[in-house]
Amino acid sequence: MPRIATPLTAAEVRSIQFDATRGATTQFHAVGGVSGLYIQVSPSGAKSFVLRYSIAKQRRHLGLGSYPEITLSDARQRAKEARDLVWRGIDP
């Protein structure tokens, strides 16, 4: 069975910071609530929501908007709409 991310709260998303000890240039943290929804954190501290999905056996990343301009609830709604398109075979 696939792992299911525990849904984060808005306060938890706000508190996520770049962790230099992980060694990545960009870090992804599962947000939960929608399969494949992540918050991307850059070394500068900038955050944005990203939906990871596969279509036609290719992995894709769909940018949903930067945080805090896009709220957590807005990102989840946008991700649900994009997931519906993917389910119908449409690449958003």
PDB file of N, CA and C in Angstrom:
ATOM      1  N   MET A   1       0.833  -1.187   0.000  1.00  0.00           N
ATOM      2  CA  MET A   1       0.000   0.000   0.000  1.00  0.00           C
ATOM      3  C   MET A   1       0.874   1.245   0.000  1.00  0.00           C
ATOM      4  N   PRO A   2       0.447   2.281  -0.709  1.00  0.00           N
ATOM      5  CA  PRO A   2       1.223   3.517  -0.716  1.00  0.00           C
ATOM      6  C   PRO A   2       1.119   4.229   0.624  1.00  0.00           C
ATOM      7  N   ARG A   3       2.156   4.973   0.919  1.00  0.00           N
ATOM      8  CA  ARG A   3       2.121   5.774   2.140  1.00  0.00           C
ATOM      9  C   ARG A   3       1.219   6.971   1.908  1.00  0.00           C
ATOM     10  N   ILE A   4       0.467   7.329   2.919  1.00  0.00           N
ATOM     11  CA  ILE A   4      -0.417   8.477   2.842  1.00  0.00           C
ATOM     12  C   ILE A   4       0.119   9.536   3.800  1.00  0.00           C
ATOM     13  N   ALA A   5       0.353  10.734   3.266  1.00  0.00           N
ATOM     14  CA  ALA A   5       0.894  11.826   4.073  1.00  0.00           C
ATOM     15  C   ALA A   5      -0.154  12.327   5.053  1.00  0.00           C
ATOM     16  N   THR A   6       0.280  12.592   6.257  1.00  0.00           N
ATOM     17  CA  THR A   6      -0.597  13.190   7.260  1.00  0.00           C
ATOM     18  C   THR A   6      -0.864  14.640   6.841  1.00  0.00           C
ATOM     19  N   PRO A   7      -2.129  15.034   6.746  1.00  0.00           N
ATOM     20  CA  PRO A   7      -2.428  16.417   6.334  1.00  0.00           C
ATOM     21  C   PRO A   7      -1.831  17.434   7.304  1.00  0.00           C
ATOM     22  N   LEU A   8      -1.123  18.409   6.741  1.00  0.00           N
ATOM     23  CA  LEU A   8      -0.539  19.471   7.550  1.00  0.00           C
ATOM     24  C   LEU A   8      -1.553  20.586   7.746  1.00  0.00           C
ATOM     25  N   THR A   9      -1.393  21.320   8.816  1.00  0.00           N
ATOM     26  CA  THR A   9      -2.224  22.498   9.070  1.00  0.00           C
ATOM     27  C   THR A   9      -1.538  23.717   8.453  1.00  0.00           C
ATOM     28  N   ALA A  10      -2.254  24.810   8.373  1.00  0.00           N
ATOM     29  CA  ALA A  10      -1.693  26.051   7.836  1.00  0.00           C
ATOM     30  C   ALA A  10      -0.506  26.521   8.685  1.00  0.00           C
ATOM     31  N   ALA A  11      -0.583  26.339   9.999  1.00  0.00           N
ATOM     32  CA  ALA A  11       0.519  26.739  10.886  1.00  0.00           C
ATOM     33  C   ALA A  11       1.759  25.880  10.642  1.00  0.00           C
ATOM     34  N   GLU A  12       1.567  24.598  10.378  1.00  0.00           N
ATOM     35  CA  GLU A  12       2.706  23.717  10.096  1.00  0.00           C
ATOM     36  C   GLU A  12       3.371  24.080   8.770  1.00  0.00           C
ATOM     37  N   VAL A  13       2.565  24.417   7.770  1.00  0.00           N
ATOM     38  CA  VAL A  13       3.120  24.839   6.481  1.00  0.00           C
ATOM     39  C   VAL A  13       3.907  26.130   6.656  1.00  0.00           C
ATOM     40  N   ARG A  14       3.372  27.054   7.435  1.00  0.00           N
ATOM     41  CA  ARG A  14       4.048  28.325   7.692  1.00  0.00           C
ATOM     42  C   ARG A  14       5.408  28.110   8.356  1.00  0.00           C
ATOM     43  N   SER A  15       5.517  27.106   9.225  1.00  0.00           N
ATOM     44  CA  SER A  15       6.744  26.897   9.992  1.00  0.00           C
ATOM     45  C   SER A  15       7.812  26.086   9.255  1.00  0.00           C
ATOM     46  N   ILE A  16       7.497  25.512   8.109  1.00  0.00           N
ATOM     47  CA  ILE A  16       8.490  24.732   7.355  1.00  0.00           C
ATOM     48  C   ILE A  16       9.588  25.664   6.857  1.00  0.00           C
ATOM     49  N   GLN A  17      10.830  25.233   7.078  1.00  0.00           N
ATOM     50  CA  GLN A  17      11.978  26.022   6.632  1.00  0.00           C
ATOM     51  C   GLN A  17      12.948  25.131   5.876  1.00  0.00           C
ATOM     52  N   PHE A  18      13.834  25.733   5.104  1.00  0.00           N
ATOM     53  CA  PHE A  18      14.862  25.004   4.383  1.00  0.00           C
ATOM     54  C   PHE A  18      15.836  24.406   5.383  1.00  0.00           C
ATOM     55  N   ASP A  19      16.168  23.133   5.209  1.00  0.00           N
ATOM     56  CA  ASP A  19      17.091  22.430   6.101  1.00  0.00           C
ATOM     57  C   ASP A  19      18.391  22.170   5.343  1.00  0.00           C
ATOM     58  N   ALA A  20      19.411  22.967   5.617  1.00  0.00           N
ATOM     59  CA  ALA A  20      20.683  22.869   4.901  1.00  0.00           C
ATOM     60  C   ALA A  20      21.393  21.541   5.145  1.00  0.00           C
ATOM     61  N   THR A  21      21.064  20.840   6.220  1.00  0.00           N
ATOM     62  CA  THR A  21      21.734  19.572   6.513  1.00  0.00           C
ATOM     63  C   THR A  21      21.259  18.447   5.607  1.00  0.00           C
ATOM     64  N   ARG A  22      20.140  18.622   4.914  1.00  0.00           N
ATOM     65  CA  ARG A  22      19.630  17.580   4.020  1.00  0.00           C
ATOM     66  C   ARG A  22      20.383  17.531   2.703  1.00  0.00           C
ATOM     67  N   GLY A  23      21.114  18.586   2.362  1.00  0.00           N
ATOM     68  CA  GLY A  23      21.977  18.583   1.201  1.00  0.00           C
ATOM     69  C   GLY A  23      21.305  18.779  -0.144  1.00  0.00           C
ATOM     70  N   ALA A  24      20.023  18.996  -0.193  1.00  0.00           N
ATOM     71  CA  ALA A  24      19.338  19.207  -1.466  1.00  0.00           C
ATOM     72  C   ALA A  24      19.306  20.698  -1.789  1.00  0.00           C
ATOM     73  N   THR A  25      19.215  20.999  -3.094  1.00  0.00           N
ATOM     74  CA  THR A  25      19.121  22.402  -3.471  1.00  0.00           C
ATOM     75  C   THR A  25      17.696  22.911  -3.303  1.00  0.00           C
ATOM     76  N   THR A  26      16.716  22.039  -3.525  1.00  0.00           N
ATOM     77  CA  THR A  26      15.313  22.365  -3.309  1.00  0.00           C
ATOM     78  C   THR A  26      14.698  21.202  -2.551  1.00  0.00           C
ATOM     79  N   GLN A  27      13.878  21.493  -1.576  1.00  0.00           N
ATOM     80  CA  GLN A  27      13.285  20.443  -0.758  1.00  0.00           C
ATOM     81  C   GLN A  27      11.785  20.407  -0.948  1.00  0.00           C
ATOM     82  N   PHE A  28      11.238  19.183  -0.942  1.00  0.00           N
ATOM     83  CA  PHE A  28       9.812  18.971  -1.074  1.00  0.00           C
ATOM     84  C   PHE A  28       9.284  18.340   0.198  1.00  0.00           C
ATOM     85  N   HIS A  29       8.173  18.872   0.708  1.00  0.00           N
ATOM     86  CA  HIS A  29       7.524  18.340   1.904  1.00  0.00           C
ATOM     87  C   HIS A  29       6.083  18.010   1.544  1.00  0.00           C
ATOM     88  N   ALA A  30       5.671  16.773   1.808  1.00  0.00           N
ATOM     89  CA  ALA A  30       4.295  16.367   1.522  1.00  0.00           C
ATOM     90  C   ALA A  30       3.343  17.158   2.403  1.00  0.00           C
ATOM     91  N   VAL A  31       2.291  17.673   1.785  1.00  0.00           N
ATOM     92  CA  VAL A  31       1.309  18.492   2.492  1.00  0.00           C
ATOM     93  C   VAL A  31       0.136  17.649   2.959  1.00  0.00           C
ATOM     94  N   GLY A  32      -0.228  16.633   2.188  1.00  0.00           N
ATOM     95  CA  GLY A  32      -1.372  15.790   2.530  1.00  0.00           C
ATOM     96  C   GLY A  32      -2.678  16.429   2.098  1.00  0.00           C
ATOM     97  N   GLY A  33      -3.719  15.634   2.175  1.00  0.00           N
ATOM     98  CA  GLY A  33      -5.032  16.112   1.756  1.00  0.00           C
ATOM     99  C   GLY A  33      -5.335  15.769   0.313  1.00  0.00           C
ATOM    100  N   VAL A  34      -4.326  15.833  -0.554  1.00  0.00           N
ATOM    101  CA  VAL A  34      -4.429  15.453  -1.958  1.00  0.00           C
ATOM    102  C   VAL A  34      -3.156  14.695  -2.310  1.00  0.00           C
ATOM    103  N   SER A  35      -3.304  13.572  -2.960  1.00  0.00           N
ATOM    104  CA  SER A  35      -2.156  12.760  -3.341  1.00  0.00           C
ATOM    105  C   SER A  35      -1.231  13.547  -4.259  1.00  0.00           C
ATOM    106  N   GLY A  36       0.053  13.610  -3.907  1.00  0.00           N
ATOM    107  CA  GLY A  36       1.046  14.269  -4.739  1.00  0.00           C
ATOM    108  C   GLY A  36       1.218  15.751  -4.494  1.00  0.00           C
ATOM    109  N   LEU A  37       0.533  16.311  -3.505  1.00  0.00           N
ATOM    110  CA  LEU A  37       0.663  17.741  -3.216  1.00  0.00           C
ATOM    111  C   LEU A  37       1.832  17.967  -2.253  1.00  0.00           C
ATOM    112  N   TYR A  38       2.744  18.855  -2.678  1.00  0.00           N
ATOM    113  CA  TYR A  38       3.938  19.151  -1.889  1.00  0.00           C
ATOM    114  C   TYR A  38       4.109  20.648  -1.774  1.00  0.00           C
ATOM    115  N   ILE A  39       4.868  21.055  -0.741  1.00  0.00           N
ATOM    116  CA  ILE A  39       5.340  22.433  -0.680  1.00  0.00           C
ATOM    117  C   ILE A  39       6.838  22.369  -0.947  1.00  0.00           C
ATOM    118  N   GLN A  40       7.256  23.178  -1.889  1.00  0.00           N
ATOM    119  CA  GLN A  40       8.651  23.229  -2.316  1.00  0.00           C
ATOM    120  C   GLN A  40       9.312  24.386  -1.591  1.00  0.00           C
ATOM    121  N   VAL A  41      10.480  24.123  -0.984  1.00  0.00           N
ATOM    122  CA  VAL A  41      11.195  25.164  -0.243  1.00  0.00           C
ATOM    123  C   VAL A  41      12.580  25.331  -0.856  1.00  0.00           C
ATOM    124  N   SER A  42      12.913  26.543  -1.245  1.00  0.00           N
ATOM    125  CA  SER A  42      14.217  26.818  -1.846  1.00  0.00           C
ATOM    126  C   SER A  42      15.197  27.279  -0.763  1.00  0.00           C
ATOM    127  N   PRO A  43      16.491  27.272  -1.059  1.00  0.00           N
ATOM    128  CA  PRO A  43      17.476  27.725  -0.063  1.00  0.00           C
ATOM    129  C   PRO A  43      17.244  29.157   0.405  1.00  0.00           C
ATOM    130  N   SER A  44      16.629  29.991  -0.426  1.00  0.00           N
ATOM    131  CA  SER A  44      16.362  31.376  -0.011  1.00  0.00           C
ATOM    132  C   SER A  44      15.189  31.461   0.956  1.00  0.00           C
ATOM    133  N   GLY A  45      14.455  30.349   1.115  1.00  0.00           N
ATOM    134  CA  GLY A  45      13.300  30.336   2.003  1.00  0.00           C
ATOM    135  C   GLY A  45      11.983  30.515   1.278  1.00  0.00           C
ATOM    136  N   ALA A  46      12.032  30.755  -0.032  1.00  0.00           N
ATOM    137  CA  ALA A  46      10.801  30.904  -0.820  1.00  0.00           C
ATOM    138  C   ALA A  46      10.062  29.566  -0.862  1.00  0.00           C
ATOM    139  N   LYS A  47       8.735  29.638  -0.794  1.00  0.00           N
ATOM    140  CA  LYS A  47       7.912  28.426  -0.782  1.00  0.00           C
ATOM    141  C   LYS A  47       6.879  28.496  -1.901  1.00  0.00           C
ATOM    142  N   SER A  48       6.592  27.337  -2.469  1.00  0.00           N
ATOM    143  CA  SER A  48       5.531  27.255  -3.468  1.00  0.00           C
ATOM    144  C   SER A  48       4.917  25.863  -3.425  1.00  0.00           C
ATOM    145  N   PHE A  49       3.674  25.775  -3.871  1.00  0.00           N
ATOM    146  CA  PHE A  49       2.971  24.506  -3.901  1.00  0.00           C
ATOM    147  C   PHE A  49       3.179  23.840  -5.258  1.00  0.00           C
ATOM    148  N   VAL A  50       3.414  22.527  -5.237  1.00  0.00           N
ATOM    149  CA  VAL A  50       3.671  21.752  -6.444  1.00  0.00           C
ATOM    150  C   VAL A  50       2.853  20.469  -6.371  1.00  0.00           C
ATOM    151  N   LEU A  51       2.260  20.096  -7.496  1.00  0.00           N
ATOM    152  CA  LEU A  51       1.560  18.826  -7.605  1.00  0.00           C
ATOM    153  C   LEU A  51       2.404  17.912  -8.469  1.00  0.00           C
ATOM    154  N   ARG A  52       2.787  16.756  -7.923  1.00  0.00           N
ATOM    155  CA  ARG A  52       3.524  15.751  -8.676  1.00  0.00           C
ATOM    156  C   ARG A  52       2.532  14.705  -9.155  1.00  0.00           C
ATOM    157  N   TYR A  53       2.602  14.386 -10.432  1.00  0.00           N
ATOM    158  CA  TYR A  53       1.701  13.383 -10.988  1.00  0.00           C
ATOM    159  C   TYR A  53       2.378  12.707 -12.163  1.00  0.00           C
ATOM    160  N   SER A  54       1.819  11.593 -12.601  1.00  0.00           N
ATOM    161  CA  SER A  54       2.321  10.874 -13.767  1.00  0.00           C
ATOM    162  C   SER A  54       1.209  10.767 -14.787  1.00  0.00           C
ATOM    163  N   ILE A  55       1.564  11.007 -16.043  1.00  0.00           N
ATOM    164  CA  ILE A  55       0.624  10.829 -17.135  1.00  0.00           C
ATOM    165  C   ILE A  55       1.430  10.309 -18.326  1.00  0.00           C
ATOM    166  N   ALA A  56       0.898   9.295 -18.989  1.00  0.00           N
ATOM    167  CA  ALA A  56       1.588   8.642 -20.107  1.00  0.00           C
ATOM    168  C   ALA A  56       2.972   8.158 -19.673  1.00  0.00           C
ATOM    169  N   LYS A  57       3.050   7.629 -18.462  1.00  0.00           N
ATOM    170  CA  LYS A  57       4.278   7.076 -17.882  1.00  0.00           C
ATOM    171  C   LYS A  57       5.402   8.095 -17.741  1.00  0.00           C
ATOM    172  N   GLN A  58       5.044   9.366 -17.677  1.00  0.00           N
ATOM    173  CA  GLN A  58       6.029  10.416 -17.453  1.00  0.00           C
ATOM    174  C   GLN A  58       5.661  11.200 -16.198  1.00  0.00           C
ATOM    175  N   ARG A  59       6.667  11.425 -15.373  1.00  0.00           N
ATOM    176  CA  ARG A  59       6.443  12.201 -14.158  1.00  0.00           C
ATOM    177  C   ARG A  59       6.420  13.679 -14.509  1.00  0.00           C
ATOM    178  N   ARG A  60       5.455  14.386 -13.947  1.00  0.00           N
ATOM    179  CA  ARG A  60       5.296  15.819 -14.187  1.00  0.00           C
ATOM    180  C   ARG A  60       5.199  16.556 -12.862  1.00  0.00           C
ATOM    181  N   HIS A  61       5.565  17.822 -12.894  1.00  0.00           N
ATOM    182  CA  HIS A  61       5.408  18.716 -11.742  1.00  0.00           C
ATOM    183  C   HIS A  61       4.591  19.904 -12.213  1.00  0.00           C
ATOM    184  N   LEU A  62       3.504  20.170 -11.531  1.00  0.00           N
ATOM    185  CA  LEU A  62       2.637  21.303 -11.868  1.00  0.00           C
ATOM    186  C   LEU A  62       2.713  22.326 -10.741  1.00  0.00           C
ATOM    187  N   GLY A  63       3.202  23.518 -11.049  1.00  0.00           N
ATOM    188  CA  GLY A  63       3.249  24.594 -10.063  1.00  0.00           C
ATOM    189  C   GLY A  63       1.853  25.137  -9.818  1.00  0.00           C
ATOM    190  N   LEU A  64       1.474  25.238  -8.559  1.00  0.00           N
ATOM    191  CA  LEU A  64       0.139  25.711  -8.199  1.00  0.00           C
ATOM    192  C   LEU A  64       0.140  27.137  -7.676  1.00  0.00           C
ATOM    193  N   GLY A  65       1.308  27.681  -7.415  1.00  0.00           N
ATOM    194  CA  GLY A  65       1.401  29.054  -6.927  1.00  0.00           C
ATOM    195  C   GLY A  65       2.313  29.170  -5.724  1.00  0.00           C
ATOM    196  N   SER A  66       2.764  30.375  -5.473  1.00  0.00           N
ATOM    197  CA  SER A  66       3.690  30.592  -4.370  1.00  0.00           C
ATOM    198  C   SER A  66       2.946  30.824  -3.061  1.00  0.00           C
ATOM    199  N   TYR A  67       3.612  30.421  -1.985  1.00  0.00           N
ATOM    200  CA  TYR A  67       3.082  30.617  -0.639  1.00  0.00           C
ATOM    201  C   TYR A  67       3.654  31.926  -0.136  1.00  0.00           C
ATOM    202  N   PRO A  68       2.942  32.804   0.474  1.00  0.00           N
ATOM    203  CA  PRO A  68       1.595  32.735   1.018  1.00  0.00           C
ATOM    204  C   PRO A  68       0.509  33.321   0.118  1.00  0.00           C
ATOM    205  N   GLU A  69       0.857  33.708  -1.126  1.00  0.00           N
ATOM    206  CA  GLU A  69      -0.186  34.238  -2.020  1.00  0.00           C
ATOM    207  C   GLU A  69      -1.286  33.196  -2.247  1.00  0.00           C
ATOM    208  N   ILE A  70      -0.880  31.938  -2.352  1.00  0.00           N
ATOM    209  CA  ILE A  70      -1.824  30.828  -2.460  1.00  0.00           C
ATOM    210  C   ILE A  70      -1.882  30.163  -1.091  1.00  0.00           C
ATOM    211  N   THR A  71      -3.056  30.116  -0.505  1.00  0.00           N
ATOM    212  CA  THR A  71      -3.206  29.499   0.817  1.00  0.00           C
ATOM    213  C   THR A  71      -3.214  27.981   0.689  1.00  0.00           C
ATOM    214  N   LEU A  72      -3.086  27.315   1.802  1.00  0.00           N
ATOM    215  CA  LEU A  72      -3.106  25.862   1.820  1.00  0.00           C
ATOM    216  C   LEU A  72      -4.422  25.318   1.283  1.00  0.00           C
ATOM    217  N   SER A  73      -5.526  25.911   1.670  1.00  0.00           N
ATOM    218  CA  SER A  73      -6.823  25.433   1.189  1.00  0.00           C
ATOM    219  C   SER A  73      -6.974  25.675  -0.312  1.00  0.00           C
ATOM    220  N   ASP A  74      -6.471  26.801  -0.818  1.00  0.00           N
ATOM    221  CA  ASP A  74      -6.508  27.064  -2.263  1.00  0.00           C
ATOM    222  C   ASP A  74      -5.654  26.050  -3.016  1.00  0.00           C
ATOM    223  N   ALA A  75      -4.483  25.741  -2.471  1.00  0.00           N
ATOM    224  CA  ALA A  75      -3.596  24.767  -3.119  1.00  0.00           C
ATOM    225  C   ALA A  75      -4.256  23.394  -3.169  1.00  0.00           C
ATOM    226  N   ARG A  76      -4.917  23.010  -2.094  1.00  0.00           N
ATOM    227  CA  ARG A  76      -5.607  21.712  -2.097  1.00  0.00           C
ATOM    228  C   ARG A  76      -6.731  21.691  -3.126  1.00  0.00           C
ATOM    229  N   GLN A  77      -7.467  22.788  -3.252  1.00  0.00           N
ATOM    230  CA  GLN A  77      -8.546  22.852  -4.236  1.00  0.00           C
ATOM    231  C   GLN A  77      -7.991  22.777  -5.659  1.00  0.00           C
ATOM    232  N   ARG A  78      -6.929  23.530  -5.930  1.00  0.00           N
ATOM    233  CA  ARG A  78      -6.313  23.497  -7.257  1.00  0.00           C
ATOM    234  C   ARG A  78      -5.766  22.104  -7.572  1.00  0.00           C
ATOM    235  N   ALA A  79      -5.180  21.459  -6.567  1.00  0.00           N
ATOM    236  CA  ALA A  79      -4.631  20.112  -6.768  1.00  0.00           C
ATOM    237  C   ALA A  79      -5.741  19.111  -7.061  1.00  0.00           C
ATOM    238  N   LYS A  80      -6.877  19.233  -6.376  1.00  0.00           N
ATOM    239  CA  LYS A  80      -8.006  18.331  -6.634  1.00  0.00           C
ATOM    240  C   LYS A  80      -8.520  18.505  -8.056  1.00  0.00           C
ATOM    241  N   GLU A  81      -8.605  19.754  -8.520  1.00  0.00           N
ATOM    242  CA  GLU A  81      -9.063  20.014  -9.887  1.00  0.00           C
ATOM    243  C   GLU A  81      -8.088  19.432 -10.916  1.00  0.00           C
ATOM    244  N   ALA A  82      -6.788  19.594 -10.666  1.00  0.00           N
ATOM    245  CA  ALA A  82      -5.787  19.056 -11.583  1.00  0.00           C
ATOM    246  C   ALA A  82      -5.799  17.530 -11.567  1.00  0.00           C
ATOM    247  N   ARG A  83      -5.968  16.932 -10.390  1.00  0.00           N
ATOM    248  CA  ARG A  83      -6.043  15.470 -10.285  1.00  0.00           C
ATOM    249  C   ARG A  83      -7.239  14.939 -11.071  1.00  0.00           C
ATOM    250  N   ASP A  84      -8.348  15.664 -11.057  1.00  0.00           N
ATOM    251  CA  ASP A  84      -9.518  15.249 -11.817  1.00  0.00           C
ATOM    252  C   ASP A  84      -9.204  15.240 -13.309  1.00  0.00           C
ATOM    253  N   LEU A  85      -8.474  16.244 -13.792  1.00  0.00           N
ATOM    254  CA  LEU A  85      -8.074  16.285 -15.193  1.00  0.00           C
ATOM    255  C   LEU A  85      -7.166  15.103 -15.536  1.00  0.00           C
ATOM    256  N   VAL A  86      -6.212  14.826 -14.660  1.00  0.00           N
ATOM    257  CA  VAL A  86      -5.307  13.694 -14.890  1.00  0.00           C
ATOM    258  C   VAL A  86      -6.071  12.393 -14.937  1.00  0.00           C
ATOM    259  N   TRP A  87      -7.031  12.231 -14.055  1.00  0.00           N
ATOM    260  CA  TRP A  87      -7.855  11.018 -14.035  1.00  0.00           C
ATOM    261  C   TRP A  87      -8.592  10.824 -15.351  1.00  0.00           C
ATOM    262  N   ARG A  88      -8.988  11.945 -15.976  1.00  0.00           N
ATOM    263  CA  ARG A  88      -9.682  11.884 -17.266  1.00  0.00           C
ATOM    264  C   ARG A  88      -8.720  11.779 -18.453  1.00  0.00           C
ATOM    265  N   GLY A  89      -7.403  11.741 -18.167  1.00  0.00           N
ATOM    266  CA  GLY A  89      -6.408  11.589 -19.231  1.00  0.00           C
ATOM    267  C   GLY A  89      -5.958  12.892 -19.841  1.00  0.00           C
ATOM    268  N   ILE A  90      -6.270  14.003 -19.210  1.00  0.00           N
ATOM    269  CA  ILE A  90      -5.881  15.316 -19.706  1.00  0.00           C
ATOM    270  C   ILE A  90      -4.681  15.811 -18.901  1.00  0.00           C
ATOM    271  N   ASP A  91      -3.640  16.246 -19.607  1.00  0.00           N
ATOM    272  CA  ASP A  91      -2.454  16.779 -18.936  1.00  0.00           C
ATOM    273  C   ASP A  91      -2.697  18.259 -18.626  1.00  0.00           C
ATOM    274  N   PRO A  92      -2.834  18.590 -17.346  1.00  0.00           N
ATOM    275  CA  PRO A  92      -3.139  19.984 -16.998  1.00  0.00           C
ATOM    276  C   PRO A  92      -1.976  20.900 -17.327  1.00  0.00           C
TER     277      PRO A  92
END
